[in-house]
C-alpha cells in the first residue's frame, strides 16, 4: 500500500526547510544564491507553484547573464 500524501508531506517538509535555511542565509553568511533554488527544486517535484517560480527565476537569471559584456 502506498501513501502519496506521505511522500508529498516529506517533500514539503524537506523543501521548506532547505528554503528557510536559504532565506536565512540572505542575512547570515552562506551561499543563499545556491540554497534557495535547491529548496525550490525539491518543492517543484510535488508542487506546481514552486515549479513556476523556479522557471521564472531561471528565466530571469538567464536574461541577466546573457546581457553581460566582457571587460
C-alpha atoms as a PDB file:
ATOM      1  CA  UNK A   1       0.000   0.000   0.000  1.00  0.00           C
ATOM      2  CA  UNK A   2       1.365   3.411  -0.957  1.00  0.00           C
ATOM      3  CA  UNK A   3       0.793   6.704   0.773  1.00  0.00           C
ATOM      4  CA  UNK A   4       1.051   9.526  -1.792  1.00  0.00           C
ATOM      5  CA  UNK A   5       0.160  12.110   0.857  1.00  0.00           C
ATOM      6  CA  UNK A   6       3.131  10.917   2.936  1.00  0.00           C
ATOM      7  CA  UNK A   7       5.562  11.497   0.058  1.00  0.00           C
ATOM      8  CA  UNK A   8       4.056  14.949  -0.522  1.00  0.00           C
ATOM      9  CA  UNK A   9       4.369  15.790   3.173  1.00  0.00           C
ATOM     10  CA  UNK A  10       8.001  14.637   3.343  1.00  0.00           C
ATOM     11  CA  UNK A  11       8.884  16.630   0.219  1.00  0.00           C
ATOM     12  CA  UNK A  12       7.141  19.685   1.691  1.00  0.00           C
ATOM     13  CA  UNK A  13       8.997  19.447   4.995  1.00  0.00           C
ATOM     14  CA  UNK A  14      12.392  18.937   3.356  1.00  0.00           C
ATOM     15  CA  UNK A  15      11.808  21.582   0.681  1.00  0.00           C
ATOM     16  CA  UNK A  16      10.533  24.251   3.068  1.00  0.00           C
ATOM     17  CA  UNK A  17      13.372  23.524   5.490  1.00  0.00           C
ATOM     18  CA  UNK A  18      16.003  23.967   2.772  1.00  0.00           C
ATOM     19  CA  UNK A  19      14.200  27.079   1.516  1.00  0.00           C
ATOM     20  CA  UNK A  20      14.061  28.564   5.030  1.00  0.00           C
ATOM     21  CA  UNK A  21      17.771  27.902   5.525  1.00  0.00           C
ATOM     22  CA  UNK A  22      18.462  29.612   2.199  1.00  0.00           C
ATOM     23  CA  UNK A  23      16.357  32.617   3.164  1.00  0.00           C
ATOM     24  CA  UNK A  24      18.219  32.841   6.465  1.00  0.00           C
ATOM     25  CA  UNK A  25      21.471  32.856   4.506  1.00  0.00           C
ATOM     26  CA  UNK A  26      20.404  36.086   2.847  1.00  0.00           C
ATOM     27  CA  UNK A  27      21.339  37.874   6.080  1.00  0.00           C
ATOM     28  CA  UNK A  28      23.678  35.243   7.517  1.00  0.00           C
ATOM     29  CA  UNK A  29      26.911  34.053   5.921  1.00  0.00           C
ATOM     30  CA  UNK A  30      26.352  31.321   3.393  1.00  0.00           C
ATOM     31  CA  UNK A  31      25.568  30.563  -0.237  1.00  0.00           C
ATOM     32  CA  UNK A  32      21.915  31.690  -0.329  1.00  0.00           C
ATOM     33  CA  UNK A  33      22.057  32.013  -4.113  1.00  0.00           C
ATOM     34  CA  UNK A  34      22.602  28.231  -4.294  1.00  0.00           C
ATOM     35  CA  UNK A  35      20.443  27.011  -1.413  1.00  0.00           C
ATOM     36  CA  UNK A  36      17.229  28.873  -2.293  1.00  0.00           C
ATOM     37  CA  UNK A  37      16.963  27.361  -5.808  1.00  0.00           C
ATOM     38  CA  UNK A  38      17.814  23.960  -4.308  1.00  0.00           C
ATOM     39  CA  UNK A  39      14.844  24.243  -1.943  1.00  0.00           C
ATOM     40  CA  UNK A  40      12.612  25.302  -4.830  1.00  0.00           C
ATOM     41  CA  UNK A  41      13.837  22.351  -6.878  1.00  0.00           C
ATOM     42  CA  UNK A  42      12.846  19.954  -4.102  1.00  0.00           C
ATOM     43  CA  UNK A  43       9.443  21.605  -3.776  1.00  0.00           C
ATOM     44  CA  UNK A  44       8.951  21.621  -7.567  1.00  0.00           C
ATOM     45  CA  UNK A  45       8.899  17.824  -7.600  1.00  0.00           C
ATOM     46  CA  UNK A  46       5.461  17.943  -5.938  1.00  0.00           C
ATOM     47  CA  UNK A  47       4.077  21.481  -6.218  1.00  0.00           C
ATOM     48  CA  UNK A  48       3.181  23.353  -9.406  1.00  0.00           C
ATOM     49  CA  UNK A  49       3.591  26.809  -7.817  1.00  0.00           C
ATOM     50  CA  UNK A  50       7.216  26.004  -6.947  1.00  0.00           C
ATOM     51  CA  UNK A  51       7.860  24.741 -10.479  1.00  0.00           C
ATOM     52  CA  UNK A  52       6.532  28.013 -11.930  1.00  0.00           C
ATOM     53  CA  UNK A  53       8.562  30.118  -9.513  1.00  0.00           C
ATOM     54  CA  UNK A  54      11.705  28.144 -10.347  1.00  0.00           C
ATOM     55  CA  UNK A  55      11.103  28.602 -14.093  1.00  0.00           C
ATOM     56  CA  UNK A  56      10.695  32.365 -13.613  1.00  0.00           C
ATOM     57  CA  UNK A  57      13.887  32.514 -11.573  1.00  0.00           C
ATOM     58  CA  UNK A  58      15.811  30.564 -14.212  1.00  0.00           C
ATOM     59  CA  UNK A  59      14.498  32.836 -16.968  1.00  0.00           C
ATOM     60  CA  UNK A  60      15.467  35.945 -15.016  1.00  0.00           C
ATOM     61  CA  UNK A  61      18.962  34.625 -14.344  1.00  0.00           C
ATOM     62  CA  UNK A  62      19.418  33.633 -17.991  1.00  0.00           C
ATOM     63  CA  UNK A  63      18.221  37.059 -19.145  1.00  0.00           C
ATOM     64  CA  UNK A  64      20.567  38.896 -16.770  1.00  0.00           C
ATOM     65  CA  UNK A  65      23.617  36.766 -17.548  1.00  0.00           C
ATOM     66  CA  UNK A  66      23.138  36.887 -21.333  1.00  0.00           C
ATOM     67  CA  UNK A  67      23.202  40.693 -21.252  1.00  0.00           C
ATOM     68  CA  UNK A  68      26.614  40.903 -19.565  1.00  0.00           C
ATOM     69  CA  UNK A  69      29.531  42.255 -21.541  1.00  0.00           C
ATOM     70  CA  UNK A  70      33.116  41.051 -21.217  1.00  0.00           C
ATOM     71  CA  UNK A  71      35.566  43.583 -19.806  1.00  0.00           C
END
